């Protein structure tokens, strides 16, 4: 096992899983909804990015060629399309799974069922329209690898890690300094008190669902640098994002980040061990998560149970 290769691989996995897990935690902590359509958002955003990239590729080649500027332009368009489509799909989830039922009894359970139905319907629509054939996105970070002494990393891994750090930094900054971010943080800390202070749940939920959808869309583009886009490509990221959010503690953004780092490195290490390998990665991940939740049911950094009551 090459420890440096494992280190880079673990950081790459942690970066992508973190985008999914943080979105799920943000939704739960602010509006009390578990979004089972996060996987559908991932898949739809991946297809939108693929379609736009295929459409723009000849135009960008004619304008910039295959050099640095052409690659940078393609990266900007692909990432922007993934984020925009994710945000639009998040708004659709808001309209279908939040707005009609947010003031009804048992909203968390109702919204979970509705978003699961949206996820299943979306996957079937994608299968009907695109078929099961997989699509590949362009290498927006170029091809090749960077060697720094014993440390070696592919461009797509470096790009995914750097992009995730920038994206999460901007999200946390927006939550900290903007008025809407302040309202979202108030909903996360004390929903009832926020409502009594005049914060509208309806209008706070819309930017949250769009923001988390955009994060899922960006995760789709970044993960699709190493895998292919397909109608069911969002299933595993949804499972990983949800389990990491549970590991970190639903509602805890720092916990989701910590959980993503732990699971990313755990998968990289288990996959690199010769007597285990990739076939035991999922098994080892769930054994670890179950063990942690038995010892600490609220997760690594979960909110107190009373915070959602």
Protein backbone atom coordinates (compact mmCIF):
# COMPACT_ATOMS: atom_id res chain seq x y z
CA UNK A 1 0.00 0.00 0.00
CA UNK A 2 1.42 3.36 -1.09
CA UNK A 3 0.58 5.72 1.76
CA UNK A 4 0.79 8.86 -0.40
CA UNK A 5 -1.52 7.46 -3.09
CA UNK A 6 -3.95 6.42 -0.35
CA UNK A 7 -3.75 9.91 1.19
CA UNK A 8 -4.67 11.65 -2.08
CA UNK A 9 -7.41 9.12 -2.86
CA UNK A 10 -8.88 9.56 0.61
CA UNK A 11 -8.93 13.35 0.30
CA UNK A 12 -10.56 13.07 -3.13
CA UNK A 13 -13.34 10.83 -1.80
CA UNK A 14 -13.80 13.02 1.28
CA UNK A 15 -14.20 16.12 -0.88
CA UNK A 16 -16.98 14.67 -3.03
CA UNK A 17 -18.79 12.87 -0.21
CA UNK A 18 -18.64 16.06 1.83
CA UNK A 19 -20.63 18.02 -0.76
CA UNK A 20 -23.45 15.47 -0.58
CA UNK A 21 -23.40 15.02 3.20
CA UNK A 22 -23.34 18.74 3.97
CA UNK A 23 -26.36 19.29 1.72
CA UNK A 24 -28.34 16.62 3.55
CA UNK A 25 -27.33 18.01 6.96
CA UNK A 26 -28.20 21.58 5.97
CA UNK A 27 -31.67 20.55 4.86
CA UNK A 28 -32.40 18.63 8.03
CA UNK A 29 -31.05 21.21 10.44
CA UNK A 30 -32.81 24.17 8.80
CA UNK A 31 -36.18 22.87 7.58
CA UNK A 32 -36.39 19.37 9.07
CA UNK A 33 -36.43 17.49 5.74
CA UNK A 34 -34.44 14.45 4.64
CA UNK A 35 -34.12 14.73 0.88
CA UNK A 36 -34.20 11.26 -0.70
CA UNK A 37 -34.21 12.94 -4.13
CA UNK A 38 -30.59 14.05 -3.64
CA UNK A 39 -29.51 11.17 -5.87
CA UNK A 40 -31.91 12.27 -8.60
CA UNK A 41 -30.47 15.78 -8.36
CA UNK A 42 -27.01 14.28 -8.81
CA UNK A 43 -28.05 12.31 -11.93
CA UNK A 44 -30.03 15.12 -13.57
CA UNK A 45 -27.19 17.59 -13.02
CA UNK A 46 -24.71 15.12 -14.49
CA UNK A 47 -26.81 14.72 -17.64
CA UNK A 48 -27.29 18.48 -17.95
CA UNK A 49 -23.52 19.00 -17.66
CA UNK A 50 -22.88 16.26 -20.25
CA UNK A 51 -25.40 17.72 -22.71
CA UNK A 52 -24.06 21.26 -22.36
CA UNK A 53 -20.44 20.11 -22.64
CA UNK A 54 -21.23 18.11 -25.79
CA UNK A 55 -22.99 21.13 -27.28
CA UNK A 56 -20.25 23.63 -26.41
CA UNK A 57 -17.22 21.45 -27.16
CA UNK A 58 -16.89 22.28 -30.89
CA UNK A 59 -17.50 25.98 -30.20
CA UNK A 60 -14.83 26.12 -27.49
CA UNK A 61 -12.37 24.14 -29.62
CA UNK A 62 -12.83 26.62 -32.47
CA UNK A 63 -12.46 29.61 -30.17
CA UNK A 64 -9.69 28.50 -27.78
CA UNK A 65 -8.25 25.26 -29.13
CA UNK A 66 -7.10 22.44 -26.84
CA UNK A 67 -4.86 24.56 -24.63
CA UNK A 68 -5.25 25.93 -21.14
CA UNK A 69 -7.94 28.49 -22.00
CA UNK A 70 -10.08 25.90 -23.78
CA UNK A 71 -9.89 23.55 -20.80
CA UNK A 72 -10.62 26.39 -18.36
CA UNK A 73 -13.65 27.51 -20.38
CA UNK A 74 -14.98 23.96 -20.53
CA UNK A 75 -14.46 23.57 -16.78
CA UNK A 76 -16.36 26.78 -16.05
CA UNK A 77 -19.28 25.85 -18.31
CA UNK A 78 -19.52 22.26 -17.02
CA UNK A 79 -19.36 23.22 -13.34
CA UNK A 80 -21.78 26.13 -13.82
CA UNK A 81 -24.27 23.93 -15.65
CA UNK A 82 -24.10 21.24 -12.98
CA UNK A 83 -24.64 23.78 -10.19
CA UNK A 84 -27.43 25.61 -12.04
CA UNK A 85 -29.31 22.41 -12.88
CA UNK A 86 -28.90 21.19 -9.31
CA UNK A 87 -30.31 24.47 -8.00
CA UNK A 88 -33.28 24.29 -10.40
CA UNK A 89 -34.00 20.70 -9.37
CA UNK A 90 -33.75 21.82 -5.76
CA UNK A 91 -36.40 24.44 -6.46
CA UNK A 92 -38.59 21.70 -7.99
CA UNK A 93 -38.17 19.63 -4.82
CA UNK A 94 -39.15 22.71 -2.80
CA UNK A 95 -42.31 23.10 -4.89
CA UNK A 96 -43.32 19.43 -4.71
CA UNK A 97 -41.99 18.13 -1.39
CA UNK A 98 -41.90 21.16 0.91
CA UNK A 99 -44.39 23.85 -0.02
CA UNK A 100 -47.59 21.74 -0.04
CA UNK A 101 -46.87 19.80 3.17
CA UNK A 102 -44.46 21.76 5.36
CA UNK A 103 -47.24 22.80 7.76
CA UNK A 104 -48.86 19.35 7.89
CA UNK A 105 -48.40 16.82 10.73
CA UNK A 106 -45.42 14.44 10.45
CA UNK A 107 -43.74 16.61 7.84
CA UNK A 108 -40.34 14.81 8.08
CA UNK A 109 -41.94 11.46 7.24
CA UNK A 110 -44.20 12.92 4.55
CA UNK A 111 -41.32 14.76 2.88
CA UNK A 112 -39.13 11.65 2.99
CA UNK A 113 -41.83 9.67 1.14
CA UNK A 114 -42.43 12.43 -1.41
CA UNK A 115 -38.74 12.94 -2.15
CA UNK A 116 -38.26 9.17 -2.48
CA UNK A 117 -41.09 9.13 -5.02
CA UNK A 118 -39.45 12.02 -6.90
CA UNK A 119 -36.17 10.12 -6.92
CA UNK A 120 -37.73 6.93 -8.31
CA UNK A 121 -39.77 8.80 -10.93
CA UNK A 122 -36.74 10.81 -12.07
CA UNK A 123 -34.58 7.71 -12.47
CA UNK A 124 -37.28 6.05 -14.57
CA UNK A 125 -37.65 9.16 -16.75
CA UNK A 126 -33.89 9.28 -17.32
CA UNK A 127 -33.88 5.59 -18.22
CA UNK A 128 -36.75 6.13 -20.65
CA UNK A 129 -35.17 9.15 -22.35
CA UNK A 130 -31.43 8.36 -22.29
CA UNK A 131 -31.49 4.60 -21.84
CA UNK A 132 -29.05 2.71 -19.61
CA UNK A 133 -26.00 3.72 -21.65
CA UNK A 134 -23.43 5.66 -19.63
CA UNK A 135 -22.13 9.10 -20.62
CA UNK A 136 -18.71 10.52 -19.88
CA UNK A 137 -18.00 14.13 -19.06
CA UNK A 138 -14.94 15.94 -20.45
CA UNK A 139 -11.81 16.03 -18.30
CA UNK A 140 -12.27 19.57 -17.05
CA UNK A 141 -9.01 19.50 -15.11
CA UNK A 142 -7.00 18.02 -17.95
CA UNK A 143 -5.21 14.68 -18.01
CA UNK A 144 -1.94 13.63 -16.45
CA UNK A 145 -0.55 13.78 -12.94
CA UNK A 146 1.59 15.98 -10.74
CA UNK A 147 4.61 14.55 -8.92
CA UNK A 148 5.95 16.33 -5.85
CA UNK A 149 8.63 14.09 -4.37
CA UNK A 150 6.91 10.96 -3.06
CA UNK A 151 3.47 12.54 -3.50
CA UNK A 152 1.73 11.84 -6.81
CA UNK A 153 -1.79 12.96 -7.72
CA UNK A 154 -3.84 13.07 -10.89
CA UNK A 155 -5.09 16.43 -12.12
CA UNK A 156 -8.73 15.41 -11.61
CA UNK A 157 -8.01 14.54 -7.96
CA UNK A 158 -6.22 17.83 -7.32
CA UNK A 159 -9.00 19.72 -9.07
CA UNK A 160 -11.76 18.00 -7.11
CA UNK A 161 -10.07 18.64 -3.76
CA UNK A 162 -9.27 22.27 -4.54
CA UNK A 163 -12.73 22.97 -6.01
CA UNK A 164 -14.47 21.46 -2.98
CA UNK A 165 -12.41 23.53 -0.54
CA UNK A 166 -13.26 26.72 -2.46
CA UNK A 167 -16.95 25.82 -2.81
CA UNK A 168 -17.43 24.95 0.86
CA UNK A 169 -15.48 28.03 1.90
CA UNK A 170 -17.78 30.25 -0.18
CA UNK A 171 -20.89 28.51 1.19
CA UNK A 172 -19.78 28.93 4.80
CA UNK A 173 -18.86 32.56 4.13
CA UNK A 174 -22.27 33.22 2.59
CA UNK A 175 -24.00 31.59 5.56
CA UNK A 176 -21.94 33.75 7.91
CA UNK A 177 -22.14 37.22 6.33
CA UNK A 178 -25.36 37.39 4.28
CA UNK A 179 -28.78 38.20 5.69
CA UNK A 180 -30.33 35.08 4.18
CA UNK A 181 -27.46 33.05 5.61
CA UNK A 182 -28.20 34.52 9.04
CA UNK A 183 -31.84 33.49 8.68
CA UNK A 184 -30.81 29.96 7.71
CA UNK A 185 -28.47 29.72 10.70
CA UNK A 186 -31.26 30.95 12.95
CA UNK A 187 -33.51 28.18 11.60
CA UNK A 188 -30.72 25.66 12.23
CA UNK A 189 -30.25 26.73 15.85
CA UNK A 190 -33.85 27.31 16.91
CA UNK A 191 -36.64 26.92 14.32
CA UNK A 192 -39.45 27.99 16.64
CA UNK A 193 -37.55 31.05 17.87
CA UNK A 194 -36.71 32.03 14.29
CA UNK A 195 -40.36 31.88 13.30
CA UNK A 196 -41.34 34.00 16.31
CA UNK A 197 -38.69 36.52 15.23
CA UNK A 198 -40.46 36.98 11.89
CA UNK A 199 -38.34 34.68 9.69
CA UNK A 200 -40.48 33.03 7.02
CA UNK A 201 -40.02 29.27 6.84
CA UNK A 202 -41.31 29.22 3.26
CA UNK A 203 -38.86 31.77 1.90
CA UNK A 204 -35.96 30.43 3.92
CA UNK A 205 -36.53 26.89 2.64
CA UNK A 206 -36.25 27.90 -1.03
CA UNK A 207 -32.61 29.07 -0.96
CA UNK A 208 -31.69 26.08 1.23
CA UNK A 209 -33.11 23.55 -1.24
CA UNK A 210 -31.50 25.39 -4.15
CA UNK A 211 -28.14 25.62 -2.37
CA UNK A 212 -28.09 21.94 -1.45
CA UNK A 213 -29.19 21.06 -4.98
CA UNK A 214 -26.32 23.10 -6.40
CA UNK A 215 -23.87 21.26 -4.11
CA UNK A 216 -25.21 17.92 -5.39
CA UNK A 217 -24.83 19.18 -8.97
CA UNK A 218 -21.21 20.16 -8.36
CA UNK A 219 -20.56 16.79 -6.74
CA UNK A 220 -21.96 15.12 -9.87
CA UNK A 221 -19.52 16.97 -12.13
CA UNK A 222 -16.55 16.32 -9.86
CA UNK A 223 -17.30 12.62 -9.30
CA UNK A 224 -18.04 12.12 -13.01
CA UNK A 225 -14.38 12.87 -13.71
CA UNK A 226 -13.67 9.32 -12.56
CA UNK A 227 -17.00 7.53 -13.15
CA UNK A 228 -19.69 7.80 -15.82
CA UNK A 229 -23.06 9.56 -15.76
CA UNK A 230 -26.05 7.21 -15.83
CA UNK A 231 -29.69 7.28 -14.64
CA UNK A 232 -28.70 5.44 -11.47
CA UNK A 233 -25.36 7.20 -10.91
CA UNK A 234 -26.82 9.16 -7.99
CA UNK A 235 -27.79 6.09 -5.96
CA UNK A 236 -24.43 5.40 -4.33
CA UNK A 237 -23.62 9.10 -3.66
CA UNK A 238 -27.06 9.41 -2.00
CA UNK A 239 -26.37 6.40 0.22
CA UNK A 240 -22.88 7.63 1.06
CA UNK A 241 -24.06 11.20 1.70
CA UNK A 242 -26.91 10.06 3.95
CA UNK A 243 -24.79 7.63 5.96
CA UNK A 244 -22.00 10.20 6.38
CA UNK A 245 -24.55 12.79 7.51
CA UNK A 246 -25.81 10.27 10.09
CA UNK A 247 -22.25 9.50 11.16
CA UNK A 248 -21.48 13.19 11.60
CA UNK A 249 -24.83 13.85 13.26
CA UNK A 250 -27.82 15.06 11.27
CA UNK A 251 -27.83 18.83 11.41
CA UNK A 252 -24.14 19.27 12.12
CA UNK A 253 -22.15 20.75 9.22
CA UNK A 254 -18.78 20.29 11.00
CA UNK A 255 -19.84 16.73 11.82
CA UNK A 256 -20.64 16.09 8.14
CA UNK A 257 -17.19 17.38 7.15
CA UNK A 258 -15.52 15.20 9.77
CA UNK A 259 -17.59 12.19 8.72
CA UNK A 260 -16.69 12.71 5.05
CA UNK A 261 -12.97 12.84 5.87
CA UNK A 262 -13.17 9.71 8.05
CA UNK A 263 -15.15 7.69 5.50
CA UNK A 264 -13.01 8.93 2.61
CA UNK A 265 -9.82 7.74 4.28
CA UNK A 266 -11.44 4.53 5.53
CA UNK A 267 -12.51 3.59 2.00
CA UNK A 268 -9.10 4.50 0.57
CA UNK A 269 -7.28 2.40 3.20
CA UNK A 270 -9.58 -0.62 2.95
CA UNK A 271 -9.43 -0.52 -0.86
CA UNK A 272 -5.63 -0.40 -0.78
CA UNK A 273 -5.15 -3.32 1.61
CA UNK A 274 -4.26 -6.44 -0.41
CA UNK A 275 -6.20 -8.85 1.84
CA UNK A 276 -9.40 -6.74 1.64
CA UNK A 277 -9.63 -4.65 -1.53
CA UNK A 278 -12.53 -2.79 -3.15
CA UNK A 279 -15.05 -5.60 -2.61
CA UNK A 280 -14.97 -5.02 1.16
CA UNK A 281 -15.09 -1.20 1.07
CA UNK A 282 -18.86 -0.85 1.47
CA UNK A 283 -18.98 -3.57 4.14
CA UNK A 284 -16.21 -1.95 6.18
CA UNK A 285 -17.84 1.47 5.84
CA UNK A 286 -21.19 0.33 7.21
CA UNK A 287 -19.63 -1.71 10.01
CA UNK A 288 -17.71 1.38 11.11
CA UNK A 289 -20.76 3.67 10.91
CA UNK A 290 -22.99 1.22 12.81
CA UNK A 291 -20.33 0.82 15.51
CA UNK A 292 -20.00 4.59 15.96
CA UNK A 293 -23.79 5.09 16.10
CA UNK A 294 -24.15 2.32 18.71
CA UNK A 295 -21.55 4.05 20.89
CA UNK A 296 -22.73 7.58 20.09
CA UNK A 297 -26.29 7.58 18.70
CA UNK A 298 -26.21 11.31 17.93
CA UNK A 299 -23.16 10.89 15.71
CA UNK A 300 -19.82 12.63 15.89
CA UNK A 301 -21.17 16.16 16.22
CA UNK A 302 -24.95 15.78 16.22
CA UNK A 303 -27.29 18.37 17.61
CA UNK A 304 -29.08 17.58 20.85
CA UNK A 305 -32.31 15.74 20.26
CA UNK A 306 -34.25 18.54 21.93
CA UNK A 307 -33.12 20.98 19.23
CA UNK A 308 -35.56 19.45 16.72
CA UNK A 309 -38.47 19.15 19.18
